[in-house]
Structures are given as C-alpha cells and as structure tokens.
Amino acid sequence: DLHELFRRFGHTSRIYLAKDRITNQSRGF
C-alpha cells in the first residue's frame, strides 16, 4: 500500500513498515 502511495512521487529505494511482532499488524508508522 505504501509503495503504491509513494511511487507516484519518484523512485523509492526502501520502505520499512513497523509491525507488531505478535499480530503482524502495522504499528502506525
């Protein structure tokens, strides 16, 4: 989702999404 959102502005070399270790859901940043 983040790649899709940010790629229209230019080349992204890396996206790191912080995830909860137990639920594997986004931690919000």
All heavy atoms as atom14 arrays in JSON, in Angstrom:
{
  "sequence": "DLHELFRRFGHTSRIYLAKDRITNQSRGF",
  "atom14_mask": [
    [1, 1, 1, 1, 1, 1, 1, 1, 0, 0, 0, 0, 0, 0],
    [1, 1, 1, 1, 1, 1, 1, 1, 0, 0, 0, 0, 0, 0],
    [1, 1, 1, 1, 1, 1, 1, 1, 1, 1, 0, 0, 0, 0],
    [1, 1, 1, 1, 1, 1, 1, 1, 1, 0, 0, 0, 0, 0],
    [1, 1, 1, 1, 1, 1, 1, 1, 0, 0, 0, 0, 0, 0],
    [1, 1, 1, 1, 1, 1, 1, 1, 1, 1, 1, 0, 0, 0],
    [1, 1, 1, 1, 1, 1, 1, 1, 1, 1, 1, 0, 0, 0],
    [1, 1, 1, 1, 1, 1, 1, 1, 1, 1, 1, 0, 0, 0],
    [1, 1, 1, 1, 1, 1, 1, 1, 1, 1, 1, 0, 0, 0],
    [1, 1, 1, 1, 0, 0, 0, 0, 0, 0, 0, 0, 0, 0],
    [1, 1, 1, 1, 1, 1, 1, 1, 1, 1, 0, 0, 0, 0],
    [1, 1, 1, 1, 1, 1, 1, 0, 0, 0, 0, 0, 0, 0],
    [1, 1, 1, 1, 1, 1, 0, 0, 0, 0, 0, 0, 0, 0],
    [1, 1, 1, 1, 1, 1, 1, 1, 1, 1, 1, 0, 0, 0],
    [1, 1, 1, 1, 1, 1, 1, 1, 0, 0, 0, 0, 0, 0],
    [1, 1, 1, 1, 1, 1, 1, 1, 1, 1, 1, 1, 0, 0],
    [1, 1, 1, 1, 1, 1, 1, 1, 0, 0, 0, 0, 0, 0],
    [1, 1, 1, 1, 1, 0, 0, 0, 0, 0, 0, 0, 0, 0],
    [1, 1, 1, 1, 1, 1, 1, 1, 1, 0, 0, 0, 0, 0],
    [1, 1, 1, 1, 1, 1, 1, 1, 0, 0, 0, 0, 0, 0],
    [1, 1, 1, 1, 1, 1, 1, 1, 1, 1, 1, 0, 0, 0],
    [1, 1, 1, 1, 1, 1, 1, 1, 0, 0, 0, 0, 0, 0],
    [1, 1, 1, 1, 1, 1, 1, 0, 0, 0, 0, 0, 0, 0],
    [1, 1, 1, 1, 1, 1, 1, 1, 0, 0, 0, 0, 0, 0],
    [1, 1, 1, 1, 1, 1, 1, 1, 1, 0, 0, 0, 0, 0],
    [1, 1, 1, 1, 1, 1, 0, 0, 0, 0, 0, 0, 0, 0],
    [1, 1, 1, 1, 1, 1, 1, 1, 1, 1, 1, 0, 0, 0],
    [1, 1, 1, 1, 0, 0, 0, 0, 0, 0, 0, 0, 0, 0],
    [1, 1, 1, 1, 1, 1, 1, 1, 1, 1, 1, 0, 0, 0]
  ],
  "atom14_positions": [
    [[0.84, -1.21, 0.0], [0.0, 0.0, 0.0], [0.87, 1.25, 0.0], [0.61, 2.21, -0.74], [-0.9, 0.04, 1.24], [-1.93, -1.06, 1.29], [-2.32, -1.57, 0.21], [-2.35, -1.42, 2.41], [0.0, 0.0, 0.0], [0.0, 0.0, 0.0], [0.0, 0.0, 0.0], [0.0, 0.0, 0.0], [0.0, 0.0, 0.0], [0.0, 0.0, 0.0]],
    [[1.91, 1.25, 0.82], [2.79, 2.41, 0.91], [3.59, 2.6, -0.38], [3.78, 3.73, -0.83], [3.73, 2.27, 2.1], [3.05, 2.31, 3.47], [4.06, 2.06, 4.58], [2.33, 3.62, 3.68], [0.0, 0.0, 0.0], [0.0, 0.0, 0.0], [0.0, 0.0, 0.0], [0.0, 0.0, 0.0], [0.0, 0.0, 0.0], [0.0, 0.0, 0.0]],
    [[4.01, 1.5, -0.97], [4.72, 1.59, -2.25], [3.82, 2.24, -3.29], [4.24, 3.14, -4.03], [5.18, 0.21, -2.71], [5.86, 0.23, -4.04], [7.12, 0.74, -4.21], [5.44, -0.16, -5.25], [7.45, 0.66, -5.48], [6.44, 0.11, -6.14], [0.0, 0.0, 0.0], [0.0, 0.0, 0.0], [0.0, 0.0, 0.0], [0.0, 0.0, 0.0]],
    [[2.58, 1.81, -3.34], [1.61, 2.37, -4.3], [1.38, 3.86, -4.03], [1.29, 4.66, -4.96], [0.29, 1.59, -4.21], [-0.71, 1.94, -5.27], [-0.28, 1.55, -6.66], [0.46, 0.56, -6.81], [-0.68, 2.23, -7.62], [0.0, 0.0, 0.0], [0.0, 0.0, 0.0], [0.0, 0.0, 0.0], [0.0, 0.0, 0.0], [0.0, 0.0, 0.0]],
    [[1.31, 4.24, -2.77], [1.05, 5.63, -2.4], [2.23, 6.54, -2.74], [2.03, 7.64, -3.25], [0.76, 5.7, -0.9], [0.44, 7.07, -0.31], [-0.84, 7.63, -0.91], [0.33, 6.97, 1.21], [0.0, 0.0, 0.0], [0.0, 0.0, 0.0], [0.0, 0.0, 0.0], [0.0, 0.0, 0.0], [0.0, 0.0, 0.0], [0.0, 0.0, 0.0]],
    [[3.46, 6.08, -2.48], [4.63, 6.94, -2.63], [5.3, 6.87, -4.0], [6.02, 7.79, -4.37], [5.66, 6.63, -1.54], [5.29, 7.23, -0.21], [4.53, 6.51, 0.7], [5.66, 8.52, 0.11], [4.17, 7.06, 1.92], [5.31, 9.08, 1.32], [4.56, 8.35, 2.23], [0.0, 0.0, 0.0], [0.0, 0.0, 0.0], [0.0, 0.0, 0.0]],
    [[5.07, 5.83, -4.78], [5.81, 5.67, -6.04], [5.48, 6.75, -7.07], [6.29, 7.05, -7.94], [5.59, 4.29, -6.63], [4.23, 4.08, -7.24], [4.09, 2.68, -7.77], [2.8, 2.55, -8.42], [2.62, 1.89, -9.53], [3.62, 1.29, -10.12], [1.42, 1.83, -10.06], [0.0, 0.0, 0.0], [0.0, 0.0, 0.0], [0.0, 0.0, 0.0]],
    [[4.34, 7.37, -6.95], [3.97, 8.42, -7.91], [4.82, 9.68, -7.77], [4.83, 10.54, -8.64], [2.49, 8.75, -7.82], [2.07, 9.31, -6.48], [0.58, 9.5, -6.43], [0.14, 9.55, -5.05], [-0.91, 10.21, -4.66], [-1.64, 10.86, -5.53], [-1.25, 10.2, -3.39], [0.0, 0.0, 0.0], [0.0, 0.0, 0.0], [0.0, 0.0, 0.0]],
    [[5.59, 9.78, -6.67], [6.43, 10.95, -6.45], [7.87, 10.73, -6.88], [8.65, 11.68, -6.93], [6.37, 11.37, -4.98], [4.98, 11.68, -4.54], [4.28, 10.8, -3.74], [4.34, 12.84, -4.97], [2.98, 11.08, -3.36], [3.03, 13.12, -4.6], [2.35, 12.23, -3.8], [0.0, 0.0, 0.0], [0.0, 0.0, 0.0], [0.0, 0.0, 0.0]],
    [[8.24, 9.48, -7.13], [9.6, 9.17, -7.55], [10.01, 7.8, -7.09], [9.23, 7.07, -6.46], [0.0, 0.0, 0.0], [0.0, 0.0, 0.0], [0.0, 0.0, 0.0], [0.0, 0.0, 0.0], [0.0, 0.0, 0.0], [0.0, 0.0, 0.0], [0.0, 0.0, 0.0], [0.0, 0.0, 0.0], [0.0, 0.0, 0.0], [0.0, 0.0, 0.0]],
    [[11.25, 7.44, -7.4], [11.75, 6.1, -7.07], [12.01, 5.97, -5.57], [12.75, 6.76, -4.98], [13.03, 5.82, -7.85], [13.57, 4.45, -7.58], [14.57, 4.23, -6.68], [13.21, 3.25, -8.08], [14.81, 2.93, -6.63], [14.0, 2.32, -7.48], [0.0, 0.0, 0.0], [0.0, 0.0, 0.0], [0.0, 0.0, 0.0], [0.0, 0.0, 0.0]],
    [[11.39, 4.97, -4.96], [11.65, 4.66, -3.56], [12.61, 3.48, -3.52], [12.41, 2.49, -4.22], [10.36, 4.31, -2.8], [9.7, 3.23, -3.45], [9.42, 5.5, -2.7], [0.0, 0.0, 0.0], [0.0, 0.0, 0.0], [0.0, 0.0, 0.0], [0.0, 0.0, 0.0], [0.0, 0.0, 0.0], [0.0, 0.0, 0.0], [0.0, 0.0, 0.0]],
    [[13.65, 3.59, -2.73], [14.63, 2.52, -2.65], [14.31, 1.53, -1.53], [14.75, 0.38, -1.57], [16.03, 3.09, -2.44], [16.08, 3.85, -1.26], [0.0, 0.0, 0.0], [0.0, 0.0, 0.0], [0.0, 0.0, 0.0], [0.0, 0.0, 0.0], [0.0, 0.0, 0.0], [0.0, 0.0, 0.0], [0.0, 0.0, 0.0], [0.0, 0.0, 0.0]],
    [[13.53, 1.97, -0.55], [13.2, 1.09, 0.57], [12.0, 1.64, 1.3], [11.85, 2.85, 1.46], [14.39, 1.04, 1.53], [14.17, 0.18, 2.76], [15.45, 0.14, 3.59], [15.26, -0.66, 4.78], [15.08, -0.16, 6.0], [15.07, 1.13, 6.19], [14.93, -0.95, 7.04], [0.0, 0.0, 0.0], [0.0, 0.0, 0.0], [0.0, 0.0, 0.0]],
    [[11.15, 0.72, 1.75], [10.02, 1.09, 2.6], [10.06, 0.14, 3.79], [10.08, -1.08, 3.62], [8.67, 0.98, 1.86], [8.62, 2.01, 0.74], [7.51, 1.16, 2.84], [7.37, 1.96, -0.1], [0.0, 0.0, 0.0], [0.0, 0.0, 0.0], [0.0, 0.0, 0.0], [0.0, 0.0, 0.0], [0.0, 0.0, 0.0], [0.0, 0.0, 0.0]],
    [[10.11, 0.72, 4.98], [10.08, -0.08, 6.2], [8.81, 0.26, 6.96], [8.61, 1.39, 7.38], [11.29, 0.21, 7.09], [11.15, -0.43, 8.46], [11.35, -1.79, 8.63], [10.76, 0.33, 9.55], [11.19, -2.38, 9.88], [10.59, -0.24, 10.8], [10.81, -1.6, 10.96], [10.63, -2.19, 12.19], [0.0, 0.0, 0.0], [0.0, 0.0, 0.0]],
    [[7.95, -0.72, 7.1], [6.71, -0.57, 7.86], [6.89, -1.28, 9.19], [7.14, -2.49, 9.22], [5.53, -1.18, 7.09], [4.19, -1.22, 7.81], [3.7, 0.2, 8.12], [3.16, -1.97, 6.97], [0.0, 0.0, 0.0], [0.0, 0.0, 0.0], [0.0, 0.0, 0.0], [0.0, 0.0, 0.0], [0.0, 0.0, 0.0], [0.0, 0.0, 0.0]],
    [[6.8, -0.54, 10.28], [6.93, -1.14, 11.61], [5.69, -1.99, 11.88], [4.56, -1.53, 11.71], [7.07, -0.06, 12.66], [0.0, 0.0, 0.0], [0.0, 0.0, 0.0], [0.0, 0.0, 0.0], [0.0, 0.0, 0.0], [0.0, 0.0, 0.0], [0.0, 0.0, 0.0], [0.0, 0.0, 0.0], [0.0, 0.0, 0.0], [0.0, 0.0, 0.0]],
    [[5.94, -3.25, 12.29], [4.84, -4.18, 12.55], [4.96, -4.77, 13.94], [6.06, -4.97, 14.45], [4.85, -5.32, 11.53], [4.58, -4.89, 10.12], [4.6, -6.09, 9.2], [4.42, -5.67, 7.76], [4.52, -6.82, 6.87], [0.0, 0.0, 0.0], [0.0, 0.0, 0.0], [0.0, 0.0, 0.0], [0.0, 0.0, 0.0], [0.0, 0.0, 0.0]],
    [[3.82, -5.07, 14.53], [3.76, -5.74, 15.81], [4.26, -7.17, 15.62], [3.86, -7.85, 14.68], [2.32, -5.74, 16.33], [2.21, -6.37, 17.7], [2.12, -7.63, 17.76], [2.19, -5.63, 18.69], [0.0, 0.0, 0.0], [0.0, 0.0, 0.0], [0.0, 0.0, 0.0], [0.0, 0.0, 0.0], [0.0, 0.0, 0.0], [0.0, 0.0, 0.0]],
    [[5.14, -7.61, 16.49], [5.72, -8.96, 16.35], [4.71, -10.08, 16.53], [4.87, -11.15, 15.96], [6.85, -9.15, 17.36], [8.05, -8.31, 17.03], [9.16, -8.56, 18.0], [10.29, -7.71, 17.67], [11.29, -7.44, 18.47], [11.3, -7.95, 19.67], [12.27, -6.67, 18.08], [0.0, 0.0, 0.0], [0.0, 0.0, 0.0], [0.0, 0.0, 0.0]],
    [[3.69, -9.84, 17.3], [2.7, -10.89, 17.58], [1.58, -10.89, 16.55], [1.26, -11.92, 15.96], [2.13, -10.73, 19.01], [3.27, -10.92, 20.02], [1.0, -11.72, 19.26], [2.92, -10.55, 21.43], [0.0, 0.0, 0.0], [0.0, 0.0, 0.0], [0.0, 0.0, 0.0], [0.0, 0.0, 0.0], [0.0, 0.0, 0.0], [0.0, 0.0, 0.0]],
    [[0.99, -9.73, 16.3], [-0.17, -9.67, 15.4], [0.22, -9.45, 13.94], [-0.59, -9.65, 13.05], [-1.11, -8.52, 15.81], [-0.42, -7.27, 15.62], [-1.58, -8.68, 17.24], [0.0, 0.0, 0.0], [0.0, 0.0, 0.0], [0.0, 0.0, 0.0], [0.0, 0.0, 0.0], [0.0, 0.0, 0.0], [0.0, 0.0, 0.0], [0.0, 0.0, 0.0]],
    [[1.46, -8.99, 13.71], [1.96, -8.66, 12.37], [1.2, -7.5, 11.72], [1.27, -7.29, 10.52], [1.96, -9.88, 11.45], [3.0, -9.77, 10.37], [4.07, -9.2, 10.57], [2.7, -10.28, 9.19], [0.0, 0.0, 0.0], [0.0, 0.0, 0.0], [0.0, 0.0, 0.0], [0.0, 0.0, 0.0], [0.0, 0.0, 0.0], [0.0, 0.0, 0.0]],
    [[0.47, -6.74, 12.52], [-0.24, -5.56, 12.02], [0.66, -4.34, 12.14], [1.59, -4.31, 12.95], [-1.52, -5.32, 12.81], [-2.6, -6.34, 12.55], [-3.86, -5.99, 13.34], [-3.81, -5.64, 14.51], [-4.99, -6.12, 12.67], [0.0, 0.0, 0.0], [0.0, 0.0, 0.0], [0.0, 0.0, 0.0], [0.0, 0.0, 0.0], [0.0, 0.0, 0.0]],
    [[0.37, -3.34, 11.35], [1.12, -2.09, 11.37], [1.09, -1.47, 12.77], [0.07, -1.5, 13.45], [0.49, -1.11, 10.37], [0.92, 0.2, 10.62], [0.0, 0.0, 0.0], [0.0, 0.0, 0.0], [0.0, 0.0, 0.0], [0.0, 0.0, 0.0], [0.0, 0.0, 0.0], [0.0, 0.0, 0.0], [0.0, 0.0, 0.0], [0.0, 0.0, 0.0]],
    [[2.23, -0.91, 13.17], [2.31, -0.19, 14.45], [2.02, 1.28, 14.26], [2.13, 2.07, 15.2], [3.7, -0.38, 15.06], [3.91, -1.81, 15.56], [5.26, -2.0, 16.21], [5.49, -1.02, 17.26], [6.72, -0.62, 17.62], [7.77, -1.09, 17.03], [6.86, 0.28, 18.57], [0.0, 0.0, 0.0], [0.0, 0.0, 0.0], [0.0, 0.0, 0.0]],
    [[1.65, 1.68, 13.03], [1.21, 3.05, 12.81], [2.25, 3.99, 12.24], [1.97, 5.16, 12.05], [0.0, 0.0, 0.0], [0.0, 0.0, 0.0], [0.0, 0.0, 0.0], [0.0, 0.0, 0.0], [0.0, 0.0, 0.0], [0.0, 0.0, 0.0], [0.0, 0.0, 0.0], [0.0, 0.0, 0.0], [0.0, 0.0, 0.0], [0.0, 0.0, 0.0]],
    [[3.46, 3.47, 11.97], [4.47, 4.35, 11.36], [5.34, 3.55, 10.4], [5.43, 2.34, 10.47], [5.32, 5.05, 12.42], [6.25, 4.15, 13.19], [7.57, 4.0, 12.78], [5.82, 3.47, 14.31], [8.44, 3.18, 13.49], [6.68, 2.64, 15.02], [8.0, 2.5, 14.61], [0.0, 0.0, 0.0], [0.0, 0.0, 0.0], [0.0, 0.0, 0.0]]
  ]
}
